[in-house]
Amino acid sequence: MLPGTYKPGQPKHWAMERPAGNATSADHPRSPVYLPLKPADVEEAARLYTDVFIADEPTTHRYAPDPEIFLPYARRYTEFLARKELSYIARDGRTGEIAGFIFCLDLTGDLAAEGAKMAEFLAHFRETVEMIDELEEQYIDRDKIAAGTVLHIYQIGVARPYRGCGMAQAMIRRALISARRRGFSRAVADCTGPISRRAFERCGFVQAGILPYDSFSKNGVAFFSGIDGGISLMVREIETA
């Protein structure tokens, strides 16, 4: 592992698991197909992202966003992700229906710098962004990270009918394989709950640190007070992905 990526005193060796699997998964009754996120997928992916993010994301419950207001931002965000060519979707192998997504970017990128609309989108979830930034700053030295070396997995979601069949892990593995082929050597993810954390653990990630919801505050306001758990920073090397 190259030195200097993670701050001194923090974990520098993580368990590794070789991602495996073909384009389809025969053990699932609908045989999902895993594909890179393309511009043609944006509308479906944005709608699924909106559904999952609003219904299942614990931090989002504090904001209670209107889906009709959120969706246009989700479209713009998903369009941006498709251009970066690091994200994947899952489709039902028989119906073609979108079943899952994993949204990834280069860790050195700055979403807020991608224009006024993106900055406006992030501003709707300011406290979540600030909490993730605080957690990552404890463990990641961004000044020593070169572009194209660390994959940042932003979000992962699976439509309800497809949950519990390993789809999340399959998307993580495909994203890691793709990133390795592009020269990335590490990956990080911010998990907001135990379900996503377990999915990443099954793919070789380990928890570098956690910031409990109850302990986070800005300007004396504990915005997430009362939410169980916290946000976990999950990390792994992917040279062997």
C-alpha atoms as a PDB file:
ATOM      1  CA  MET A   1       0.000   0.000   0.000  1.00  0.00           C
ATOM      2  CA  LEU A   2       1.286   3.430  -0.862  1.00  0.00           C
ATOM      3  CA  PRO A   3       2.041   5.572   2.188  1.00  0.00           C
ATOM      4  CA  GLY A   4       0.435   8.859   3.036  1.00  0.00           C
ATOM      5  CA  THR A   5      -3.187   8.201   2.099  1.00  0.00           C
ATOM      6  CA  TYR A   6      -4.558   7.719   5.584  1.00  0.00           C
ATOM      7  CA  LYS A   7      -3.659   9.802   8.576  1.00  0.00           C
ATOM      8  CA  PRO A   8      -0.959   8.553  10.957  1.00  0.00           C
ATOM      9  CA  GLY A   9      -2.185   6.312  13.734  1.00  0.00           C
ATOM     10  CA  GLN A  10      -5.197   5.055  11.777  1.00  0.00           C
ATOM     11  CA  PRO A  11      -5.663   1.527  10.325  1.00  0.00           C
ATOM     12  CA  LYS A  12      -3.483   0.960   7.256  1.00  0.00           C
ATOM     13  CA  HIS A  13      -4.106  -2.713   6.493  1.00  0.00           C
ATOM     14  CA  TRP A  14      -7.552  -4.077   5.857  1.00  0.00           C
ATOM     15  CA  ALA A  15      -9.017  -7.499   5.188  1.00  0.00           C
ATOM     16  CA  MET A  16      -9.278  -8.264   1.500  1.00  0.00           C
ATOM     17  CA  GLU A  17     -11.775 -10.428  -0.331  1.00  0.00           C
ATOM     18  CA  ARG A  18     -11.511 -11.126  -4.014  1.00  0.00           C
ATOM     19  CA  PRO A  19     -14.767  -9.988  -5.702  1.00  0.00           C
ATOM     20  CA  ALA A  20     -16.090 -12.685  -7.977  1.00  0.00           C
ATOM     21  CA  GLY A  21     -19.083 -13.458 -10.135  1.00  0.00           C
ATOM     22  CA  ASN A  22     -20.330 -13.155 -13.690  1.00  0.00           C
ATOM     23  CA  ALA A  23     -22.604 -10.581 -15.289  1.00  0.00           C
ATOM     24  CA  THR A  24     -25.663 -12.452 -14.022  1.00  0.00           C
ATOM     25  CA  SER A  25     -26.425 -14.218 -10.765  1.00  0.00           C
ATOM     26  CA  ALA A  26     -28.145 -17.540 -11.350  1.00  0.00           C
ATOM     27  CA  ASP A  27     -28.965 -18.077  -7.684  1.00  0.00           C
ATOM     28  CA  HIS A  28     -31.512 -15.242  -7.792  1.00  0.00           C
ATOM     29  CA  PRO A  29     -34.933 -16.172  -9.246  1.00  0.00           C
ATOM     30  CA  ARG A  30     -34.896 -13.077 -11.468  1.00  0.00           C
ATOM     31  CA  SER A  31     -31.246 -13.503 -12.564  1.00  0.00           C
ATOM     32  CA  PRO A  32     -30.187  -9.863 -12.190  1.00  0.00           C
ATOM     33  CA  VAL A  33     -27.849  -8.331 -14.740  1.00  0.00           C
ATOM     34  CA  TYR A  34     -25.214  -5.832 -13.568  1.00  0.00           C
ATOM     35  CA  LEU A  35     -24.334  -3.011 -15.940  1.00  0.00           C
ATOM     36  CA  PRO A  36     -22.418   0.271 -15.908  1.00  0.00           C
ATOM     37  CA  LEU A  37     -24.661   3.286 -15.344  1.00  0.00           C
ATOM     38  CA  LYS A  38     -25.246   4.935 -18.742  1.00  0.00           C
ATOM     39  CA  PRO A  39     -27.065   8.127 -19.802  1.00  0.00           C
ATOM     40  CA  ALA A  40     -29.987   6.005 -21.024  1.00  0.00           C
ATOM     41  CA  ASP A  41     -30.449   4.681 -17.464  1.00  0.00           C
ATOM     42  CA  VAL A  42     -30.634   8.091 -15.799  1.00  0.00           C
ATOM     43  CA  GLU A  43     -34.415   8.451 -15.499  1.00  0.00           C
ATOM     44  CA  GLU A  44     -34.989   5.004 -14.000  1.00  0.00           C
ATOM     45  CA  ALA A  45     -31.950   5.223 -11.740  1.00  0.00           C
ATOM     46  CA  ALA A  46     -32.945   8.676 -10.496  1.00  0.00           C
ATOM     47  CA  ARG A  47     -36.458   7.474  -9.649  1.00  0.00           C
ATOM     48  CA  LEU A  48     -35.193   4.418  -7.767  1.00  0.00           C
ATOM     49  CA  TYR A  49     -32.613   6.553  -5.974  1.00  0.00           C
ATOM     50  CA  THR A  50     -35.372   8.969  -4.951  1.00  0.00           C
ATOM     51  CA  ASP A  51     -37.556   6.138  -3.636  1.00  0.00           C
ATOM     52  CA  VAL A  52     -34.771   4.447  -1.672  1.00  0.00           C
ATOM     53  CA  PHE A  53     -33.119   7.609  -0.380  1.00  0.00           C
ATOM     54  CA  ILE A  54     -36.342   9.088   0.979  1.00  0.00           C
ATOM     55  CA  ALA A  55     -37.826   5.861   2.368  1.00  0.00           C
ATOM     56  CA  ASP A  56     -34.781   4.102   3.804  1.00  0.00           C
ATOM     57  CA  GLU A  57     -31.969   6.570   4.483  1.00  0.00           C
ATOM     58  CA  PRO A  58     -32.028   7.271   8.267  1.00  0.00           C
ATOM     59  CA  THR A  59     -30.583  10.775   8.025  1.00  0.00           C
ATOM     60  CA  THR A  60     -33.063  11.767   5.306  1.00  0.00           C
ATOM     61  CA  HIS A  61     -36.010  11.146   7.611  1.00  0.00           C
ATOM     62  CA  ARG A  62     -35.018  14.292   9.494  1.00  0.00           C
ATOM     63  CA  TYR A  63     -35.438  16.351   6.322  1.00  0.00           C
ATOM     64  CA  ALA A  64     -38.606  14.662   4.985  1.00  0.00           C
ATOM     65  CA  PRO A  65     -38.021  15.909   1.415  1.00  0.00           C
ATOM     66  CA  ASP A  66     -40.874  16.088  -1.089  1.00  0.00           C
ATOM     67  CA  PRO A  67     -40.199  13.405  -3.757  1.00  0.00           C
ATOM     68  CA  GLU A  68     -41.396  15.703  -6.541  1.00  0.00           C
ATOM     69  CA  ILE A  69     -38.898  18.364  -5.475  1.00  0.00           C
ATOM     70  CA  PHE A  70     -36.117  15.845  -4.892  1.00  0.00           C
ATOM     71  CA  LEU A  71     -36.452  14.010  -8.228  1.00  0.00           C
ATOM     72  CA  PRO A  72     -35.132  16.799 -10.529  1.00  0.00           C
ATOM     73  CA  TYR A  73     -32.014  17.053  -8.356  1.00  0.00           C
ATOM     74  CA  ALA A  74     -31.679  13.264  -8.450  1.00  0.00           C
ATOM     75  CA  ARG A  75     -31.794  13.353 -12.257  1.00  0.00           C
ATOM     76  CA  ARG A  76     -29.021  15.929 -12.458  1.00  0.00           C
ATOM     77  CA  TYR A  77     -26.928  14.002  -9.930  1.00  0.00           C
ATOM     78  CA  THR A  78     -27.423  10.713 -11.784  1.00  0.00           C
ATOM     79  CA  GLU A  79     -26.552  12.354 -15.124  1.00  0.00           C
ATOM     80  CA  PHE A  80     -23.317  13.558 -13.566  1.00  0.00           C
ATOM     81  CA  LEU A  81     -22.537  10.071 -12.228  1.00  0.00           C
ATOM     82  CA  ALA A  82     -23.173   8.469 -15.615  1.00  0.00           C
ATOM     83  CA  ARG A  83     -20.592  10.762 -17.203  1.00  0.00           C
ATOM     84  CA  LYS A  84     -17.963   9.667 -14.663  1.00  0.00           C
ATOM     85  CA  GLU A  85     -18.391   5.983 -15.635  1.00  0.00           C
ATOM     86  CA  LEU A  86     -17.724   4.549 -12.161  1.00  0.00           C
ATOM     87  CA  SER A  87     -21.277   3.614 -11.119  1.00  0.00           C
ATOM     88  CA  TYR A  88     -23.366   0.499 -11.739  1.00  0.00           C
ATOM     89  CA  ILE A  89     -26.995  -0.544 -11.848  1.00  0.00           C
ATOM     90  CA  ALA A  90     -28.740  -3.899 -11.562  1.00  0.00           C
ATOM     91  CA  ARG A  91     -31.624  -4.918 -13.804  1.00  0.00           C
ATOM     92  CA  ASP A  92     -34.065  -7.799 -13.601  1.00  0.00           C
ATOM     93  CA  GLY A  93     -32.752 -10.285 -16.144  1.00  0.00           C
ATOM     94  CA  ARG A  94     -36.248 -11.220 -17.300  1.00  0.00           C
ATOM     95  CA  THR A  95     -38.194  -7.956 -17.214  1.00  0.00           C
ATOM     96  CA  GLY A  96     -35.391  -5.428 -17.629  1.00  0.00           C
ATOM     97  CA  GLU A  97     -36.719  -3.466 -14.661  1.00  0.00           C
ATOM     98  CA  ILE A  98     -34.108  -1.531 -12.706  1.00  0.00           C
ATOM     99  CA  ALA A  99     -33.499  -3.250  -9.387  1.00  0.00           C
ATOM    100  CA  GLY A 100     -30.505  -1.548  -7.784  1.00  0.00           C
ATOM    101  CA  PHE A 101     -27.780   1.058  -8.068  1.00  0.00           C
ATOM    102  CA  ILE A 102     -24.339   1.839  -6.696  1.00  0.00           C
ATOM    103  CA  PHE A 103     -23.156   5.421  -7.124  1.00  0.00           C
ATOM    104  CA  CYS A 104     -19.395   6.015  -7.101  1.00  0.00           C
ATOM    105  CA  LEU A 105     -16.965   8.868  -7.729  1.00  0.00           C
ATOM    106  CA  ASP A 106     -13.282   9.637  -7.412  1.00  0.00           C
ATOM    107  CA  LEU A 107     -12.593  10.618  -3.789  1.00  0.00           C
ATOM    108  CA  THR A 108     -10.685  13.695  -4.961  1.00  0.00           C
ATOM    109  CA  GLY A 109     -13.732  15.108  -6.748  1.00  0.00           C
ATOM    110  CA  ASP A 110     -15.856  17.887  -5.269  1.00  0.00           C
ATOM    111  CA  LEU A 111     -19.581  17.629  -5.943  1.00  0.00           C
ATOM    112  CA  ALA A 112     -20.186  21.170  -4.734  1.00  0.00           C
ATOM    113  CA  ALA A 113     -17.895  22.443  -7.487  1.00  0.00           C
ATOM    114  CA  GLU A 114     -20.036  20.901 -10.228  1.00  0.00           C
ATOM    115  CA  GLY A 115     -22.274  23.927 -10.601  1.00  0.00           C
ATOM    116  CA  ALA A 116     -24.967  25.833  -8.764  1.00  0.00           C
ATOM    117  CA  LYS A 117     -27.612  23.113  -9.048  1.00  0.00           C
ATOM    118  CA  MET A 118     -25.350  20.490  -7.505  1.00  0.00           C
ATOM    119  CA  ALA A 119     -24.392  22.847  -4.683  1.00  0.00           C
ATOM    120  CA  GLU A 120     -28.085  23.572  -4.149  1.00  0.00           C
ATOM    121  CA  PHE A 121     -28.817  19.845  -4.025  1.00  0.00           C
ATOM    122  CA  LEU A 122     -26.167  19.269  -1.361  1.00  0.00           C
ATOM    123  CA  ALA A 123     -27.399  22.251   0.642  1.00  0.00           C
ATOM    124  CA  HIS A 124     -30.710  20.463   1.220  1.00  0.00           C
ATOM    125  CA  PHE A 125     -28.780  17.896   3.303  1.00  0.00           C
ATOM    126  CA  ARG A 126     -26.174  20.169   4.813  1.00  0.00           C
ATOM    127  CA  GLU A 127     -25.997  18.414   8.181  1.00  0.00           C
ATOM    128  CA  THR A 128     -25.464  14.993   6.599  1.00  0.00           C
ATOM    129  CA  VAL A 129     -22.704  16.351   4.358  1.00  0.00           C
ATOM    130  CA  GLU A 130     -21.040  18.043   7.333  1.00  0.00           C
ATOM    131  CA  MET A 131     -21.223  14.881   9.433  1.00  0.00           C
ATOM    132  CA  ILE A 132     -19.646  12.763   6.695  1.00  0.00           C
ATOM    133  CA  ASP A 133     -16.951  15.387   6.154  1.00  0.00           C
ATOM    134  CA  GLU A 134     -16.164  15.413   9.882  1.00  0.00           C
ATOM    135  CA  LEU A 135     -15.870  11.622   9.956  1.00  0.00           C
ATOM    136  CA  GLU A 136     -13.676  11.434   6.862  1.00  0.00           C
ATOM    137  CA  GLU A 137     -11.392  14.227   8.053  1.00  0.00           C
ATOM    138  CA  GLN A 138     -10.507  12.109  11.103  1.00  0.00           C
ATOM    139  CA  TYR A 139      -9.184   9.241   8.983  1.00  0.00           C
ATOM    140  CA  ILE A 140      -8.406  10.474   5.463  1.00  0.00           C
ATOM    141  CA  ASP A 141      -5.693  12.915   4.471  1.00  0.00           C
ATOM    142  CA  ARG A 142      -7.138  14.205   1.202  1.00  0.00           C
ATOM    143  CA  ASP A 143      -4.128  16.400   0.481  1.00  0.00           C
ATOM    144  CA  LYS A 144      -2.026  13.270  -0.038  1.00  0.00           C
ATOM    145  CA  ILE A 145      -4.468  11.443  -2.310  1.00  0.00           C
ATOM    146  CA  ALA A 146      -3.897  11.544  -6.053  1.00  0.00           C
ATOM    147  CA  ALA A 147      -6.792  11.602  -8.489  1.00  0.00           C
ATOM    148  CA  GLY A 148      -7.739   8.176  -9.788  1.00  0.00           C
ATOM    149  CA  THR A 149      -6.483   6.219  -6.772  1.00  0.00           C
ATOM    150  CA  VAL A 150      -9.336   6.078  -4.225  1.00  0.00           C
ATOM    151  CA  LEU A 151     -12.904   5.165  -5.160  1.00  0.00           C
ATOM    152  CA  HIS A 152     -15.616   6.840  -3.073  1.00  0.00           C
ATOM    153  CA  ILE A 153     -18.823   4.800  -2.950  1.00  0.00           C
ATOM    154  CA  TYR A 154     -21.505   7.370  -2.216  1.00  0.00           C
ATOM    155  CA  GLN A 155     -24.774   5.460  -2.218  1.00  0.00           C
ATOM    156  CA  ILE A 156     -26.064   1.957  -2.776  1.00  0.00           C
ATOM    157  CA  GLY A 157     -29.694   0.906  -2.946  1.00  0.00           C
ATOM    158  CA  VAL A 158     -31.858  -2.063  -3.891  1.00  0.00           C
ATOM    159  CA  ALA A 159     -35.560  -2.034  -4.778  1.00  0.00           C
ATOM    160  CA  ARG A 160     -37.655  -3.811  -2.157  1.00  0.00           C
ATOM    161  CA  PRO A 161     -38.637  -6.893  -4.230  1.00  0.00           C
ATOM    162  CA  TYR A 162     -34.955  -7.685  -4.788  1.00  0.00           C
ATOM    163  CA  ARG A 163     -33.614  -7.332  -1.272  1.00  0.00           C
ATOM    164  CA  GLY A 164     -32.013 -10.158   0.682  1.00  0.00           C
ATOM    165  CA  CYS A 165     -30.507 -11.934  -2.338  1.00  0.00           C
ATOM    166  CA  GLY A 166     -26.979 -10.542  -2.326  1.00  0.00           C
ATOM    167  CA  MET A 167     -27.576  -7.854  -4.936  1.00  0.00           C
ATOM    168  CA  ALA A 168     -25.872  -5.120  -2.906  1.00  0.00           C
ATOM    169  CA  GLN A 169     -22.710  -7.200  -2.511  1.00  0.00           C
ATOM    170  CA  ALA A 170     -22.727  -8.062  -6.213  1.00  0.00           C
ATOM    171  CA  MET A 171     -22.888  -4.375  -7.163  1.00  0.00           C
ATOM    172  CA  ILE A 172     -20.085  -3.523  -4.740  1.00  0.00           C
ATOM    173  CA  ARG A 173     -17.875  -6.212  -6.264  1.00  0.00           C
ATOM    174  CA  ARG A 174     -18.499  -5.055  -9.791  1.00  0.00           C
ATOM    175  CA  ALA A 175     -17.767  -1.458  -8.886  1.00  0.00           C
ATOM    176  CA  LEU A 176     -14.484  -2.547  -7.285  1.00  0.00           C
ATOM    177  CA  ILE A 177     -13.436  -4.622 -10.285  1.00  0.00           C
ATOM    178  CA  SER A 178     -14.201  -1.738 -12.634  1.00  0.00           C
ATOM    179  CA  ALA A 179     -12.310   0.729 -10.441  1.00  0.00           C
ATOM    180  CA  ARG A 180      -9.255  -1.525 -10.235  1.00  0.00           C
ATOM    181  CA  ARG A 181      -9.157  -1.786 -14.024  1.00  0.00           C
ATOM    182  CA  ARG A 182      -9.081   2.005 -14.146  1.00  0.00           C
ATOM    183  CA  GLY A 183      -6.125   2.139 -11.778  1.00  0.00           C
ATOM    184  CA  PHE A 184      -7.823   2.729  -8.421  1.00  0.00           C
ATOM    185  CA  SER A 185      -6.133   0.944  -5.518  1.00  0.00           C
ATOM    186  CA  ARG A 186      -8.453   1.695  -2.577  1.00  0.00           C
ATOM    187  CA  ALA A 187     -12.122   2.269  -1.854  1.00  0.00           C
ATOM    188  CA  VAL A 188     -14.037   4.034   0.902  1.00  0.00           C
ATOM    189  CA  ALA A 189     -17.731   4.145   1.751  1.00  0.00           C
ATOM    190  CA  ASP A 190     -19.792   5.994   4.344  1.00  0.00           C
ATOM    191  CA  CYS A 191     -22.424   3.612   5.744  1.00  0.00           C
ATOM    192  CA  THR A 192     -25.341   5.212   7.548  1.00  0.00           C
ATOM    193  CA  GLY A 193     -26.740   2.020   9.047  1.00  0.00           C
ATOM    194  CA  PRO A 194     -25.976  -1.605   9.937  1.00  0.00           C
ATOM    195  CA  ILE A 195     -27.469  -3.161   6.790  1.00  0.00           C
ATOM    196  CA  SER A 196     -25.188  -1.330   4.380  1.00  0.00           C
ATOM    197  CA  ARG A 197     -22.242  -1.789   6.746  1.00  0.00           C
ATOM    198  CA  ARG A 198     -22.709  -5.572   6.726  1.00  0.00           C
ATOM    199  CA  ALA A 199     -22.909  -5.599   2.927  1.00  0.00           C
ATOM    200  CA  PHE A 200     -19.562  -3.829   2.699  1.00  0.00           C
ATOM    201  CA  GLU A 201     -18.017  -6.095   5.339  1.00  0.00           C
ATOM    202  CA  ARG A 202     -18.974  -9.102   3.220  1.00  0.00           C
ATOM    203  CA  CYS A 203     -17.039  -7.518   0.365  1.00  0.00           C
ATOM    204  CA  GLY A 204     -13.804  -7.150   2.320  1.00  0.00           C
ATOM    205  CA  PHE A 205     -14.282  -3.697   3.831  1.00  0.00           C
ATOM    206  CA  VAL A 206     -13.495  -2.968   7.469  1.00  0.00           C
ATOM    207  CA  GLN A 207     -14.647  -0.130   9.660  1.00  0.00           C
ATOM    208  CA  ALA A 208     -11.942   2.506  10.054  1.00  0.00           C
ATOM    209  CA  GLY A 209     -14.094   4.653  12.321  1.00  0.00           C
ATOM    210  CA  ILE A 210     -17.615   5.613  13.320  1.00  0.00           C
ATOM    211  CA  LEU A 211     -19.281   8.889  14.254  1.00  0.00           C
ATOM    212  CA  PRO A 212     -22.422   8.302  16.370  1.00  0.00           C
ATOM    213  CA  TYR A 213     -25.453  10.359  15.412  1.00  0.00           C
ATOM    214  CA  ASP A 214     -25.964  11.456  19.009  1.00  0.00           C
ATOM    215  CA  SER A 215     -22.436  12.856  19.254  1.00  0.00           C
ATOM    216  CA  PHE A 216     -22.596  15.058  16.156  1.00  0.00           C
ATOM    217  CA  SER A 217     -23.550  18.702  16.511  1.00  0.00           C
ATOM    218  CA  LYS A 218     -22.985  21.981  14.687  1.00  0.00           C
ATOM    219  CA  ASN A 219     -23.314  25.354  16.371  1.00  0.00           C
ATOM    220  CA  GLY A 220     -24.737  23.628  19.426  1.00  0.00           C
ATOM    221  CA  VAL A 221     -27.477  21.836  17.469  1.00  0.00           C
ATOM    222  CA  ALA A 222     -27.548  18.024  17.596  1.00  0.00           C
ATOM    223  CA  PHE A 223     -29.546  17.594  14.386  1.00  0.00           C
ATOM    224  CA  PHE A 224     -29.533  13.784  14.420  1.00  0.00           C
ATOM    225  CA  SER A 225     -30.039  13.305  18.153  1.00  0.00           C
ATOM    226  CA  GLY A 226     -32.171  10.265  18.916  1.00  0.00           C
ATOM    227  CA  ILE A 227     -31.168   8.256  15.832  1.00  0.00           C
ATOM    228  CA  ASP A 228     -29.576   4.949  16.800  1.00  0.00           C
ATOM    229  CA  GLY A 229     -26.097   4.091  15.554  1.00  0.00           C
ATOM    230  CA  GLY A 230     -23.935   6.348  13.453  1.00  0.00           C
ATOM    231  CA  ILE A 231     -22.099   6.741  10.171  1.00  0.00           C
ATOM    232  CA  SER A 232     -19.284   4.234   9.638  1.00  0.00           C
ATOM    233  CA  LEU A 233     -16.293   4.876   7.399  1.00  0.00           C
ATOM    234  CA  MET A 234     -15.607   1.593   5.608  1.00  0.00           C
ATOM    235  CA  VAL A 235     -12.303   1.041   3.798  1.00  0.00           C
ATOM    236  CA  ARG A 236     -10.453  -1.579   1.789  1.00  0.00           C
ATOM    237  CA  GLU A 237      -7.624  -2.034  -0.660  1.00  0.00           C
ATOM    238  CA  ILE A 238      -8.650  -3.188  -4.114  1.00  0.00           C
ATOM    239  CA  GLU A 239      -5.397  -4.159  -5.801  1.00  0.00           C
ATOM    240  CA  THR A 240      -6.641  -7.762  -5.750  1.00  0.00           C
ATOM    241  CA  ALA A 241     -10.252  -7.048  -6.719  1.00  0.00           C
END
